[in-house]
N, C-alpha and C. Protein backbone atom coordinates (compact mmCIF):
# COMPACT_ATOMS: atom_id res chain seq x y z
N UNK A 1 -14.48 -9.26 -65.38
CA UNK A 1 -14.97 -9.11 -66.74
C UNK A 1 -16.17 -8.18 -66.79
N UNK A 2 -17.05 -8.32 -65.81
CA UNK A 2 -18.23 -7.46 -65.79
C UNK A 2 -17.86 -6.00 -65.58
N UNK A 3 -16.86 -5.74 -64.75
CA UNK A 3 -16.49 -4.35 -64.45
C UNK A 3 -15.52 -3.76 -65.47
N UNK A 4 -14.56 -4.53 -65.92
CA UNK A 4 -13.51 -4.01 -66.80
C UNK A 4 -13.80 -4.26 -68.28
N UNK A 5 -14.65 -5.24 -68.58
CA UNK A 5 -14.87 -5.61 -69.97
C UNK A 5 -13.76 -6.53 -70.45
N UNK A 6 -14.03 -7.30 -71.50
CA UNK A 6 -13.08 -8.32 -71.93
C UNK A 6 -12.03 -7.85 -72.93
N UNK A 7 -12.11 -6.65 -73.45
CA UNK A 7 -11.29 -6.26 -74.59
C UNK A 7 -9.92 -5.70 -74.27
N UNK A 8 -9.61 -5.48 -73.00
CA UNK A 8 -8.29 -4.96 -72.63
C UNK A 8 -7.65 -5.92 -71.62
N UNK A 9 -6.97 -6.95 -72.11
CA UNK A 9 -6.39 -7.95 -71.22
C UNK A 9 -5.43 -7.39 -70.17
N UNK A 10 -4.63 -6.38 -70.52
CA UNK A 10 -3.71 -5.80 -69.56
C UNK A 10 -4.45 -5.18 -68.38
N UNK A 11 -5.53 -4.51 -68.68
CA UNK A 11 -6.33 -3.89 -67.62
C UNK A 11 -6.98 -4.96 -66.75
N UNK A 12 -7.39 -6.08 -67.35
CA UNK A 12 -7.98 -7.17 -66.57
C UNK A 12 -6.97 -7.75 -65.58
N UNK A 13 -5.75 -7.99 -66.04
CA UNK A 13 -4.74 -8.54 -65.14
C UNK A 13 -4.47 -7.56 -64.01
N UNK A 14 -4.39 -6.27 -64.32
CA UNK A 14 -4.15 -5.27 -63.27
C UNK A 14 -5.28 -5.28 -62.24
N UNK A 15 -6.52 -5.42 -62.69
CA UNK A 15 -7.65 -5.45 -61.76
C UNK A 15 -7.59 -6.71 -60.89
N UNK A 16 -7.25 -7.85 -61.48
CA UNK A 16 -7.11 -9.09 -60.70
C UNK A 16 -5.99 -8.94 -59.68
N UNK A 17 -4.88 -8.32 -60.09
CA UNK A 17 -3.75 -8.09 -59.18
C UNK A 17 -4.21 -7.32 -57.95
N UNK A 18 -4.92 -6.22 -58.17
CA UNK A 18 -5.38 -5.41 -57.03
C UNK A 18 -6.29 -6.22 -56.12
N UNK A 19 -7.19 -6.98 -56.69
CA UNK A 19 -8.13 -7.76 -55.87
C UNK A 19 -7.44 -8.87 -55.09
N UNK A 20 -6.51 -9.56 -55.72
CA UNK A 20 -5.79 -10.63 -55.03
C UNK A 20 -4.98 -10.05 -53.88
N UNK A 21 -4.26 -8.96 -54.14
CA UNK A 21 -3.44 -8.34 -53.09
C UNK A 21 -4.31 -7.89 -51.90
N UNK A 22 -5.45 -7.30 -52.19
CA UNK A 22 -6.34 -6.86 -51.12
C UNK A 22 -6.93 -8.04 -50.37
N UNK A 23 -7.39 -9.05 -51.09
CA UNK A 23 -8.02 -10.21 -50.46
C UNK A 23 -7.05 -10.98 -49.57
N UNK A 24 -5.77 -11.03 -49.97
CA UNK A 24 -4.79 -11.80 -49.22
C UNK A 24 -3.96 -10.94 -48.28
N UNK A 25 -4.26 -9.64 -48.25
CA UNK A 25 -3.51 -8.75 -47.38
C UNK A 25 -2.06 -8.61 -47.78
N UNK A 26 -1.77 -8.72 -49.07
CA UNK A 26 -0.40 -8.68 -49.57
C UNK A 26 -0.10 -7.32 -50.19
N UNK A 27 -0.41 -6.29 -49.42
CA UNK A 27 -0.16 -4.93 -49.89
C UNK A 27 1.34 -4.67 -49.93
N UNK A 28 2.06 -5.13 -48.92
CA UNK A 28 3.52 -5.13 -48.90
C UNK A 28 3.94 -6.26 -47.96
N UNK A 29 5.22 -6.43 -47.77
CA UNK A 29 5.69 -7.55 -46.95
C UNK A 29 5.35 -7.44 -45.47
N UNK A 30 5.26 -6.22 -44.95
CA UNK A 30 5.13 -6.11 -43.50
C UNK A 30 3.86 -5.41 -43.03
N UNK A 31 2.99 -5.04 -43.95
CA UNK A 31 1.78 -4.30 -43.60
C UNK A 31 2.12 -2.99 -42.88
N UNK A 32 3.26 -2.42 -43.20
CA UNK A 32 3.63 -1.12 -42.65
C UNK A 32 4.30 -1.17 -41.30
N UNK A 33 4.45 -2.34 -40.72
CA UNK A 33 5.10 -2.46 -39.42
C UNK A 33 6.60 -2.68 -39.65
N UNK A 34 7.46 -1.77 -39.18
CA UNK A 34 8.88 -1.81 -39.54
C UNK A 34 9.61 -3.10 -39.20
N UNK A 35 9.33 -3.72 -38.08
CA UNK A 35 10.08 -4.92 -37.67
C UNK A 35 9.28 -6.21 -37.83
N UNK A 36 8.17 -6.14 -38.54
CA UNK A 36 7.30 -7.32 -38.67
C UNK A 36 7.90 -8.33 -39.64
N UNK A 37 7.60 -9.59 -39.37
CA UNK A 37 7.99 -10.66 -40.29
C UNK A 37 7.17 -10.51 -41.58
N UNK A 38 7.74 -10.90 -42.71
CA UNK A 38 6.97 -10.85 -43.96
C UNK A 38 5.71 -11.72 -43.86
N UNK A 39 4.63 -11.24 -44.45
CA UNK A 39 3.41 -12.03 -44.52
C UNK A 39 3.50 -12.92 -45.75
N UNK A 40 2.44 -13.62 -46.06
CA UNK A 40 2.47 -14.49 -47.22
C UNK A 40 2.81 -13.69 -48.47
N UNK A 41 3.37 -14.39 -49.42
CA UNK A 41 3.70 -13.77 -50.70
C UNK A 41 3.29 -14.74 -51.79
N UNK A 42 1.99 -14.97 -51.88
CA UNK A 42 1.44 -15.88 -52.87
C UNK A 42 0.85 -15.10 -54.03
N UNK A 43 0.82 -15.72 -55.17
CA UNK A 43 0.25 -15.10 -56.35
C UNK A 43 0.18 -16.11 -57.47
N UNK A 44 0.17 -15.62 -58.69
CA UNK A 44 0.01 -16.53 -59.82
C UNK A 44 0.54 -15.89 -61.10
N UNK A 45 0.81 -16.75 -62.05
CA UNK A 45 1.03 -16.32 -63.41
C UNK A 45 -0.34 -16.31 -64.06
N UNK A 46 -0.50 -15.51 -65.10
CA UNK A 46 -1.82 -15.42 -65.74
C UNK A 46 -1.67 -14.93 -67.16
N UNK A 47 -2.68 -15.21 -67.95
CA UNK A 47 -2.76 -14.67 -69.31
C UNK A 47 -4.22 -14.45 -69.65
N UNK A 48 -4.48 -13.37 -70.34
CA UNK A 48 -5.82 -13.07 -70.85
C UNK A 48 -5.71 -12.77 -72.33
N UNK A 49 -6.69 -13.26 -73.08
CA UNK A 49 -6.74 -12.99 -74.52
C UNK A 49 -8.15 -12.54 -74.89
N UNK A 50 -8.21 -11.67 -75.86
CA UNK A 50 -9.46 -11.29 -76.50
C UNK A 50 -9.27 -11.55 -77.97
N UNK A 51 -10.11 -12.41 -78.54
CA UNK A 51 -9.99 -12.75 -79.95
C UNK A 51 -11.14 -12.11 -80.71
N UNK A 52 -10.78 -11.28 -81.68
CA UNK A 52 -11.73 -10.65 -82.59
C UNK A 52 -11.70 -11.48 -83.86
N UNK A 53 -12.61 -12.45 -83.96
CA UNK A 53 -12.58 -13.37 -85.11
C UNK A 53 -12.96 -12.67 -86.42
N UNK A 54 -13.79 -11.66 -86.34
CA UNK A 54 -14.20 -10.95 -87.55
C UNK A 54 -13.02 -10.24 -88.22
N UNK A 55 -12.18 -9.59 -87.41
CA UNK A 55 -11.02 -8.85 -87.95
C UNK A 55 -9.72 -9.63 -87.83
N UNK A 56 -9.81 -10.84 -87.30
CA UNK A 56 -8.65 -11.72 -87.11
C UNK A 56 -7.52 -11.02 -86.35
N UNK A 57 -7.89 -10.52 -85.19
CA UNK A 57 -6.93 -9.87 -84.29
C UNK A 57 -7.03 -10.54 -82.93
N UNK A 58 -5.92 -10.55 -82.22
CA UNK A 58 -5.89 -11.07 -80.87
C UNK A 58 -5.23 -10.03 -79.99
N UNK A 59 -5.86 -9.75 -78.86
CA UNK A 59 -5.28 -8.86 -77.84
C UNK A 59 -4.90 -9.75 -76.67
N UNK A 60 -3.65 -9.62 -76.23
CA UNK A 60 -3.09 -10.53 -75.24
C UNK A 60 -2.28 -9.75 -74.21
N UNK A 61 -2.38 -10.17 -72.96
CA UNK A 61 -1.49 -9.70 -71.90
C UNK A 61 -1.15 -10.90 -71.04
N UNK A 62 0.09 -10.94 -70.59
CA UNK A 62 0.53 -12.07 -69.78
C UNK A 62 1.35 -11.63 -68.60
N UNK A 63 1.17 -12.33 -67.49
CA UNK A 63 1.98 -12.16 -66.29
C UNK A 63 2.85 -13.42 -66.19
N UNK A 64 4.08 -13.32 -66.64
CA UNK A 64 5.01 -14.45 -66.68
C UNK A 64 4.54 -15.57 -67.60
N UNK A 65 3.64 -15.31 -68.52
CA UNK A 65 3.17 -16.35 -69.43
C UNK A 65 3.28 -15.85 -70.87
N UNK A 66 4.10 -16.53 -71.67
CA UNK A 66 4.20 -16.15 -73.08
C UNK A 66 3.06 -16.74 -73.90
N UNK A 67 2.83 -16.12 -75.02
CA UNK A 67 1.86 -16.59 -76.02
C UNK A 67 2.66 -17.12 -77.19
N UNK A 68 2.30 -18.30 -77.70
CA UNK A 68 2.97 -18.88 -78.86
C UNK A 68 2.01 -18.82 -80.05
N UNK A 69 2.54 -18.39 -81.20
CA UNK A 69 1.75 -18.31 -82.43
C UNK A 69 2.46 -19.09 -83.52
N UNK A 70 1.70 -19.83 -84.29
CA UNK A 70 2.24 -20.50 -85.47
C UNK A 70 1.33 -20.14 -86.64
N UNK A 71 1.84 -19.22 -87.47
CA UNK A 71 1.07 -18.74 -88.60
C UNK A 71 1.30 -19.64 -89.81
N UNK A 72 0.30 -19.74 -90.69
CA UNK A 72 0.44 -20.59 -91.88
C UNK A 72 1.66 -20.18 -92.70
N UNK A 73 2.40 -21.18 -93.15
CA UNK A 73 3.55 -20.94 -94.00
C UNK A 73 4.82 -20.59 -93.25
N UNK A 74 4.74 -20.33 -91.95
CA UNK A 74 5.94 -20.00 -91.18
C UNK A 74 6.60 -21.29 -90.69
N UNK A 75 7.90 -21.22 -90.54
CA UNK A 75 8.66 -22.39 -90.11
C UNK A 75 9.16 -22.26 -88.68
N UNK A 76 8.79 -21.17 -88.01
CA UNK A 76 9.15 -20.99 -86.61
C UNK A 76 7.95 -20.46 -85.83
N UNK A 77 7.93 -20.77 -84.58
CA UNK A 77 6.88 -20.27 -83.70
C UNK A 77 7.25 -18.86 -83.25
N UNK A 78 6.29 -17.96 -83.32
CA UNK A 78 6.46 -16.61 -82.81
C UNK A 78 6.08 -16.60 -81.34
N UNK A 79 6.91 -16.00 -80.51
CA UNK A 79 6.63 -15.89 -79.09
C UNK A 79 6.35 -14.44 -78.74
N UNK A 80 5.23 -14.20 -78.07
CA UNK A 80 4.91 -12.88 -77.54
C UNK A 80 5.05 -13.00 -76.02
N UNK A 81 6.08 -12.37 -75.50
CA UNK A 81 6.35 -12.50 -74.06
C UNK A 81 5.40 -11.65 -73.24
N UNK A 82 4.96 -12.20 -72.13
CA UNK A 82 4.19 -11.43 -71.16
C UNK A 82 5.15 -10.59 -70.33
N UNK A 83 4.59 -9.79 -69.46
CA UNK A 83 5.40 -8.97 -68.57
C UNK A 83 6.02 -9.83 -67.49
N UNK A 84 7.12 -9.35 -66.91
CA UNK A 84 7.84 -10.07 -65.86
C UNK A 84 7.35 -9.65 -64.48
N UNK A 85 6.07 -9.69 -64.31
CA UNK A 85 5.46 -9.37 -63.01
C UNK A 85 4.33 -10.36 -62.78
N UNK A 86 4.35 -11.02 -61.64
CA UNK A 86 3.29 -11.94 -61.28
C UNK A 86 2.10 -11.20 -60.70
N UNK A 87 0.99 -11.90 -60.62
CA UNK A 87 -0.26 -11.31 -60.13
C UNK A 87 -0.42 -11.59 -58.64
N UNK A 88 -0.62 -10.54 -57.85
CA UNK A 88 -0.98 -10.68 -56.45
C UNK A 88 0.14 -10.74 -55.45
N UNK A 89 1.36 -10.96 -55.88
CA UNK A 89 2.47 -11.09 -54.94
C UNK A 89 2.68 -9.80 -54.16
N UNK A 90 3.20 -9.93 -52.94
CA UNK A 90 3.47 -8.76 -52.11
C UNK A 90 4.48 -7.84 -52.80
N UNK A 91 5.37 -8.41 -53.58
CA UNK A 91 6.39 -7.62 -54.27
C UNK A 91 5.88 -6.97 -55.55
N UNK A 92 4.70 -7.35 -56.01
CA UNK A 92 4.12 -6.73 -57.20
C UNK A 92 3.38 -5.47 -56.77
N UNK A 93 3.72 -4.33 -57.35
CA UNK A 93 3.05 -3.09 -56.94
C UNK A 93 1.54 -3.15 -57.16
N UNK A 94 0.82 -2.48 -56.29
CA UNK A 94 -0.63 -2.40 -56.39
C UNK A 94 -1.06 -1.78 -57.73
N UNK A 95 -0.25 -0.84 -58.23
CA UNK A 95 -0.59 -0.15 -59.47
C UNK A 95 0.14 -0.71 -60.69
N UNK A 96 0.65 -1.94 -60.58
CA UNK A 96 1.36 -2.59 -61.68
C UNK A 96 0.47 -2.60 -62.93
N UNK A 97 1.07 -2.31 -64.06
CA UNK A 97 0.36 -2.35 -65.34
C UNK A 97 0.97 -3.45 -66.21
N UNK A 98 0.12 -4.11 -66.98
CA UNK A 98 0.56 -5.12 -67.92
C UNK A 98 0.25 -4.65 -69.33
N UNK A 99 1.19 -4.86 -70.22
CA UNK A 99 1.04 -4.41 -71.60
C UNK A 99 0.08 -5.32 -72.36
N UNK A 100 -0.83 -4.72 -73.10
CA UNK A 100 -1.71 -5.46 -73.99
C UNK A 100 -1.08 -5.45 -75.38
N UNK A 101 -0.83 -6.62 -75.92
CA UNK A 101 -0.25 -6.77 -77.25
C UNK A 101 -1.38 -7.08 -78.23
N UNK A 102 -1.31 -6.51 -79.42
CA UNK A 102 -2.29 -6.85 -80.45
C UNK A 102 -1.54 -7.50 -81.60
N UNK A 103 -2.01 -8.67 -82.01
CA UNK A 103 -1.36 -9.40 -83.09
C UNK A 103 -2.39 -9.80 -84.14
N UNK A 104 -1.93 -9.85 -85.38
CA UNK A 104 -2.77 -10.30 -86.49
C UNK A 104 -2.84 -11.82 -86.48
N UNK A 105 -3.99 -12.33 -86.86
CA UNK A 105 -4.20 -13.78 -86.91
C UNK A 105 -4.67 -14.18 -88.31
N UNK A 106 -3.75 -14.34 -89.25
CA UNK A 106 -4.19 -14.82 -90.56
C UNK A 106 -4.93 -16.15 -90.41
N UNK A 107 -5.84 -16.42 -91.32
CA UNK A 107 -6.61 -17.67 -91.26
C UNK A 107 -5.66 -18.87 -91.20
N UNK A 108 -5.93 -19.77 -90.27
CA UNK A 108 -5.10 -20.94 -90.08
C UNK A 108 -4.06 -20.79 -88.99
N UNK A 109 -3.97 -19.61 -88.37
CA UNK A 109 -3.00 -19.40 -87.29
C UNK A 109 -3.38 -20.24 -86.07
N UNK A 110 -2.38 -20.89 -85.49
CA UNK A 110 -2.57 -21.64 -84.25
C UNK A 110 -2.02 -20.81 -83.10
N UNK A 111 -2.77 -20.76 -82.00
CA UNK A 111 -2.43 -19.97 -80.82
C UNK A 111 -2.31 -20.94 -79.65
N UNK A 112 -1.25 -20.74 -78.83
CA UNK A 112 -1.01 -21.64 -77.71
C UNK A 112 -0.61 -20.86 -76.46
N UNK A 113 -1.08 -21.32 -75.32
CA UNK A 113 -0.68 -20.82 -74.00
C UNK A 113 -0.41 -22.02 -73.10
N UNK A 114 0.64 -21.91 -72.27
CA UNK A 114 1.01 -22.99 -71.36
C UNK A 114 1.31 -22.42 -69.99
N UNK A 115 0.85 -23.10 -68.95
CA UNK A 115 1.20 -22.70 -67.59
C UNK A 115 2.64 -23.11 -67.31
N UNK A 116 3.22 -22.53 -66.27
CA UNK A 116 4.59 -22.86 -65.90
C UNK A 116 4.71 -24.31 -65.43
N UNK A 117 3.60 -24.93 -65.08
CA UNK A 117 3.63 -26.35 -64.74
C UNK A 117 4.07 -27.21 -65.91
N UNK A 118 3.80 -26.75 -67.12
CA UNK A 118 4.25 -27.47 -68.33
C UNK A 118 5.75 -27.30 -68.53
N UNK A 119 6.20 -26.07 -68.50
CA UNK A 119 7.61 -25.80 -68.79
C UNK A 119 8.54 -26.21 -67.66
N UNK A 120 8.09 -26.12 -66.42
CA UNK A 120 8.96 -26.37 -65.26
C UNK A 120 9.02 -27.83 -64.82
N UNK A 121 8.20 -28.69 -65.41
CA UNK A 121 8.16 -30.08 -64.98
C UNK A 121 9.50 -30.77 -65.21
N UNK A 122 10.02 -31.34 -64.14
CA UNK A 122 11.29 -32.06 -64.23
C UNK A 122 11.07 -33.44 -64.82
N UNK A 123 12.09 -33.92 -65.56
CA UNK A 123 12.00 -35.24 -66.15
C UNK A 123 13.23 -35.57 -66.96
N UNK A 124 13.10 -36.57 -67.80
CA UNK A 124 14.22 -37.01 -68.61
C UNK A 124 15.28 -37.69 -67.76
N UNK A 125 16.35 -38.12 -68.41
CA UNK A 125 17.42 -38.83 -67.71
C UNK A 125 18.14 -37.97 -66.68
N UNK A 126 18.19 -36.66 -66.92
CA UNK A 126 18.95 -35.77 -66.03
C UNK A 126 18.07 -34.99 -65.06
N UNK A 127 16.75 -35.21 -65.09
CA UNK A 127 15.86 -34.53 -64.16
C UNK A 127 15.83 -33.02 -64.37
N UNK A 128 15.78 -32.60 -65.64
CA UNK A 128 15.73 -31.17 -65.96
C UNK A 128 14.34 -30.80 -66.46
N UNK A 129 14.08 -29.50 -66.56
CA UNK A 129 12.76 -29.00 -66.94
C UNK A 129 12.40 -29.37 -68.38
N UNK A 130 11.11 -29.60 -68.60
CA UNK A 130 10.59 -29.87 -69.95
C UNK A 130 10.89 -28.69 -70.86
N UNK A 131 10.61 -27.48 -70.39
CA UNK A 131 11.05 -26.26 -71.05
C UNK A 131 10.27 -25.85 -72.29
N UNK A 132 10.44 -24.60 -72.65
CA UNK A 132 9.78 -24.03 -73.83
C UNK A 132 10.31 -24.64 -75.11
N UNK A 133 11.58 -24.97 -75.15
CA UNK A 133 12.17 -25.53 -76.38
C UNK A 133 11.49 -26.84 -76.75
N UNK A 134 11.28 -27.73 -75.80
CA UNK A 134 10.63 -29.01 -76.10
C UNK A 134 9.17 -28.80 -76.51
N UNK A 135 8.52 -27.82 -75.88
CA UNK A 135 7.14 -27.52 -76.29
C UNK A 135 7.13 -27.04 -77.73
N UNK A 136 8.01 -26.08 -78.05
CA UNK A 136 8.08 -25.57 -79.44
C UNK A 136 8.37 -26.69 -80.43
N UNK A 137 9.34 -27.55 -80.11
CA UNK A 137 9.69 -28.66 -81.00
C UNK A 137 8.48 -29.56 -81.23
N UNK A 138 7.76 -29.87 -80.17
CA UNK A 138 6.58 -30.72 -80.29
C UNK A 138 5.53 -30.06 -81.17
N UNK A 139 5.29 -28.77 -80.95
CA UNK A 139 4.30 -28.06 -81.76
C UNK A 139 4.72 -28.04 -83.24
N UNK A 140 5.99 -27.80 -83.50
CA UNK A 140 6.47 -27.76 -84.88
C UNK A 140 6.36 -29.14 -85.53
N UNK A 141 6.70 -30.19 -84.79
CA UNK A 141 6.63 -31.55 -85.34
C UNK A 141 5.20 -31.98 -85.64
N UNK A 142 4.24 -31.34 -84.99
CA UNK A 142 2.84 -31.74 -85.14
C UNK A 142 1.96 -30.65 -85.74
N UNK A 143 2.56 -29.63 -86.32
CA UNK A 143 1.83 -28.45 -86.77
C UNK A 143 0.75 -28.74 -87.82
N UNK A 144 0.93 -29.78 -88.61
CA UNK A 144 -0.04 -30.08 -89.66
C UNK A 144 -1.17 -30.99 -89.18
N UNK A 145 -1.11 -31.40 -87.94
CA UNK A 145 -2.14 -32.27 -87.38
C UNK A 145 -3.27 -31.43 -86.81
N UNK A 146 -4.40 -32.07 -86.56
CA UNK A 146 -5.55 -31.37 -85.96
C UNK A 146 -5.19 -30.98 -84.52
N UNK A 147 -5.96 -30.06 -83.97
CA UNK A 147 -5.69 -29.64 -82.60
C UNK A 147 -5.83 -30.81 -81.61
N UNK A 148 -6.86 -31.66 -81.72
CA UNK A 148 -6.92 -32.82 -80.81
C UNK A 148 -5.71 -33.75 -80.95
N UNK A 149 -5.22 -33.91 -82.17
CA UNK A 149 -4.03 -34.75 -82.36
C UNK A 149 -2.79 -34.08 -81.77
N UNK A 150 -2.69 -32.77 -81.89
CA UNK A 150 -1.58 -32.04 -81.28
C UNK A 150 -1.62 -32.20 -79.77
N UNK A 151 -2.82 -32.10 -79.21
CA UNK A 151 -2.99 -32.26 -77.76
C UNK A 151 -2.47 -33.62 -77.32
N UNK A 152 -2.90 -34.68 -78.03
CA UNK A 152 -2.49 -36.03 -77.67
C UNK A 152 -0.97 -36.20 -77.79
N UNK A 153 -0.37 -35.64 -78.83
CA UNK A 153 1.08 -35.74 -79.02
C UNK A 153 1.82 -35.02 -77.91
N UNK A 154 1.34 -33.83 -77.53
CA UNK A 154 2.00 -33.07 -76.48
C UNK A 154 1.86 -33.76 -75.13
N UNK A 155 0.66 -34.26 -74.82
CA UNK A 155 0.46 -34.98 -73.56
C UNK A 155 1.33 -36.23 -73.48
N UNK A 156 1.45 -36.93 -74.58
CA UNK A 156 2.28 -38.13 -74.62
C UNK A 156 3.75 -37.78 -74.39
N UNK A 157 4.24 -36.75 -75.08
CA UNK A 157 5.63 -36.32 -74.90
C UNK A 157 5.87 -35.84 -73.47
N UNK A 158 4.91 -35.12 -72.92
CA UNK A 158 5.04 -34.60 -71.56
C UNK A 158 5.09 -35.75 -70.56
N UNK A 159 4.19 -36.72 -70.70
CA UNK A 159 4.15 -37.86 -69.78
C UNK A 159 5.44 -38.68 -69.88
N UNK A 160 5.92 -38.87 -71.10
CA UNK A 160 7.18 -39.61 -71.28
C UNK A 160 8.33 -38.86 -70.63
N UNK A 161 8.35 -37.54 -70.78
CA UNK A 161 9.41 -36.73 -70.17
C UNK A 161 9.35 -36.81 -68.65
N UNK A 162 8.14 -36.68 -68.10
CA UNK A 162 7.97 -36.70 -66.64
C UNK A 162 8.40 -38.04 -66.08
N UNK A 163 8.04 -39.12 -66.75
CA UNK A 163 8.42 -40.45 -66.28
C UNK A 163 8.00 -40.66 -64.84
N UNK A 164 8.96 -41.05 -64.01
CA UNK A 164 8.71 -41.34 -62.60
C UNK A 164 8.85 -40.11 -61.70
N UNK A 165 9.18 -38.96 -62.30
CA UNK A 165 9.34 -37.74 -61.49
C UNK A 165 7.97 -37.28 -60.98
N UNK A 166 7.95 -36.73 -59.79
CA UNK A 166 6.74 -36.24 -59.17
C UNK A 166 6.25 -35.01 -59.92
N UNK A 167 4.94 -34.92 -60.09
CA UNK A 167 4.35 -33.73 -60.72
C UNK A 167 4.63 -32.55 -59.83
N UNK A 168 5.20 -31.50 -60.37
CA UNK A 168 5.68 -30.37 -59.60
C UNK A 168 4.61 -29.29 -59.38
N UNK A 169 3.70 -29.15 -60.33
CA UNK A 169 2.75 -28.03 -60.32
C UNK A 169 1.54 -28.44 -61.16
N UNK A 170 0.52 -27.59 -61.11
CA UNK A 170 -0.61 -27.84 -62.00
C UNK A 170 -0.15 -27.63 -63.44
N UNK A 171 -0.79 -28.33 -64.35
CA UNK A 171 -0.42 -28.29 -65.75
C UNK A 171 -1.66 -27.87 -66.55
N UNK A 172 -1.50 -26.76 -67.29
CA UNK A 172 -2.61 -26.28 -68.11
C UNK A 172 -2.08 -25.85 -69.46
N UNK A 173 -2.81 -26.18 -70.51
CA UNK A 173 -2.45 -25.78 -71.86
C UNK A 173 -3.72 -25.42 -72.61
N UNK A 174 -3.60 -24.43 -73.47
CA UNK A 174 -4.71 -23.99 -74.30
C UNK A 174 -4.19 -23.83 -75.71
N UNK A 175 -4.89 -24.39 -76.65
CA UNK A 175 -4.52 -24.23 -78.05
C UNK A 175 -5.77 -24.14 -78.91
N UNK A 176 -5.73 -23.26 -79.90
CA UNK A 176 -6.83 -23.17 -80.85
C UNK A 176 -6.31 -22.63 -82.17
N UNK A 177 -7.06 -22.89 -83.22
CA UNK A 177 -6.68 -22.44 -84.55
C UNK A 177 -7.80 -21.55 -85.09
N UNK A 178 -7.39 -20.44 -85.69
CA UNK A 178 -8.36 -19.50 -86.30
C UNK A 178 -8.68 -19.97 -87.70
């Protein structure tokens, strides 16, 4: 943030990608040695947002993380998809670029981000993923409630879905209303 500034989320993700790849030695799978075994291939999904509250604009970039918007008067959630490239992986190019999307935020717009730990959590009777559809349904069913009430409803639905299944990944969610 100090070097790149906060206003270009795509550029921030690209800078983080370069740093993670360098720090973990994940420049490529073999470090240039033709017959070498692949090295680690760790990385992450990520999202960055810059909110201009004065002009009601949001700048967003995502690495495998979509942004969900629910604008006043709308009956469906708008999804802004992030790019299909993870941050830091050996297979992600060092010069990978992520698109910065700019969206309008009319007063009362709700903005949501979820980690893959939310969508990928197995549960229910058939042991399938919680998924984006269930998240969207929960948000729509609770759209007129306060953000803390939405949080409680989503956590309750998530816990009920997970049931006795083991937690698969970290779970993070962010929601706010303009």
